[in-house]
Protein backbone atom coordinates (compact mmCIF):
# COMPACT_ATOMS: atom_id res chain seq x y z
CA MET A 1 90.20 90.16 -129.43
CA PRO A 2 92.14 87.89 -127.01
CA GLU A 3 91.20 84.24 -126.70
CA ALA A 4 88.85 83.59 -123.77
CA SER A 5 90.02 81.25 -121.06
CA LEU A 6 89.08 77.61 -121.31
CA ARG A 7 87.35 75.73 -118.49
CA ILE A 8 87.63 71.99 -118.05
CA ILE A 9 85.61 69.61 -115.89
CA ALA A 10 87.35 66.25 -115.74
CA LYS A 11 85.90 63.24 -113.94
CA VAL A 12 87.86 60.21 -112.75
CA LYS A 13 86.17 57.28 -111.01
CA ALA A 14 88.25 54.93 -108.87
CA ARG A 15 87.62 51.27 -108.33
CA SER A 16 86.30 50.83 -104.78
CA ASP A 17 89.54 49.15 -103.69
CA THR A 18 91.84 51.84 -105.12
CA VAL A 19 90.31 55.09 -103.81
CA ASP A 20 93.21 55.98 -101.52
CA GLU A 21 95.84 55.14 -104.12
CA LEU A 22 94.06 57.15 -106.82
CA ARG A 23 93.54 60.12 -104.48
CA LYS A 24 97.28 60.16 -103.77
CA LEU A 25 98.13 59.98 -107.48
CA LEU A 26 95.68 62.76 -108.38
CA ARG A 27 96.81 65.00 -105.51
CA ALA A 28 100.37 64.73 -106.84
CA LEU A 29 99.20 66.49 -110.04
CA VAL A 30 97.93 69.62 -108.34
CA GLU A 31 101.12 71.48 -107.43
CA PRO A 32 103.07 70.88 -110.65
CA THR A 33 100.00 71.72 -112.72
CA ARG A 34 99.33 74.94 -110.83
CA ASN A 35 102.92 75.95 -111.62
CA GLU A 36 102.50 75.42 -115.36
CA GLU A 37 102.49 78.42 -117.65
CA GLY A 38 98.91 79.15 -118.66
CA CYS A 39 97.23 77.48 -115.68
CA ILE A 40 94.80 79.91 -114.06
CA ASN A 41 93.10 77.48 -111.67
CA TYR A 42 93.35 73.75 -110.93
CA GLU A 43 91.28 72.16 -108.18
CA LEU A 44 90.75 68.53 -107.23
CA LEU A 45 87.42 67.60 -105.63
CA GLN A 46 86.16 64.32 -104.19
CA SER A 47 82.44 63.59 -104.07
CA GLN A 48 80.88 63.49 -100.60
CA SER A 49 78.16 61.09 -101.76
CA ASP A 50 80.45 58.80 -103.79
CA PRO A 51 84.06 58.76 -102.56
CA THR A 52 85.18 56.90 -105.69
CA GLU A 53 84.42 59.99 -107.81
CA PHE A 54 87.00 62.72 -108.31
CA ILE A 55 86.53 65.93 -110.30
CA PHE A 56 89.12 68.38 -111.56
CA LEU A 57 87.94 71.96 -112.10
CA GLU A 58 90.44 73.63 -114.37
CA GLU A 59 90.90 77.00 -116.02
CA TRP A 60 93.51 77.56 -118.72
CA GLU A 61 94.58 80.69 -120.56
CA SER A 62 94.33 78.94 -123.92
CA VAL A 63 94.04 75.66 -125.77
CA VAL A 64 97.82 75.84 -126.28
CA ALA A 65 98.36 75.90 -122.49
CA LEU A 66 96.00 72.96 -122.05
CA ASP A 67 97.80 71.01 -124.78
CA ARG A 68 101.15 71.64 -123.05
CA HIS A 69 99.61 70.36 -119.80
CA SER A 70 98.34 67.23 -121.53
CA SER A 71 101.85 66.39 -122.72
CA SER A 72 103.61 67.21 -119.43
CA ASP A 73 105.65 64.58 -117.61
CA HIS A 74 103.24 64.47 -114.67
CA MET A 75 100.30 63.79 -117.00
CA LYS A 76 102.26 61.09 -118.82
CA ASN A 77 103.00 59.51 -115.43
CA LEU A 78 99.29 59.63 -114.53
CA ARG A 79 98.24 58.01 -117.81
CA SER A 80 100.71 55.15 -117.25
CA LYS A 81 99.24 54.31 -113.82
CA LEU A 82 95.58 55.19 -114.25
CA PRO A 83 94.24 52.08 -116.03
CA LEU A 84 94.84 49.86 -112.99
CA LEU A 85 93.06 52.24 -110.61
CA ILE A 86 89.90 53.36 -112.39
CA ASP A 87 86.43 51.91 -112.78
CA SER A 88 85.67 53.59 -116.11
CA PRO A 89 87.48 55.79 -118.64
CA PRO A 90 88.09 59.37 -117.47
CA GLU A 91 85.82 62.04 -118.89
CA ALA A 92 86.88 65.58 -119.71
CA ARG A 93 84.61 68.29 -121.03
CA ARG A 94 85.58 71.75 -122.26
CA PHE A 95 83.53 74.84 -121.48
CA SER A 96 83.55 78.55 -122.27
CA ILE A 97 82.02 81.24 -120.11
CA VAL A 98 78.74 82.52 -121.53
CA VAL A 99 78.26 85.51 -119.20
């Protein structure tokens, strides 16, 4: 039986003075990530009630595809810049479809 796709919800919270800079950095991830092998869906959302909060909704063909994404150059670039822009450590949770 083929491996079911993997869903990720990742949350990133900007410092109040870095919202625009973080939004720009996160937006730069979308196109290269969508072009990665194994990426089914990759969306960036910003909270309407708290503009410092960003959420990625992701769907990957497999854990292998997600691991490749995590080690991509654009993710390495993000990790090098993120600490100066965020209010708290990013959170990422993995999900599988139940029905």
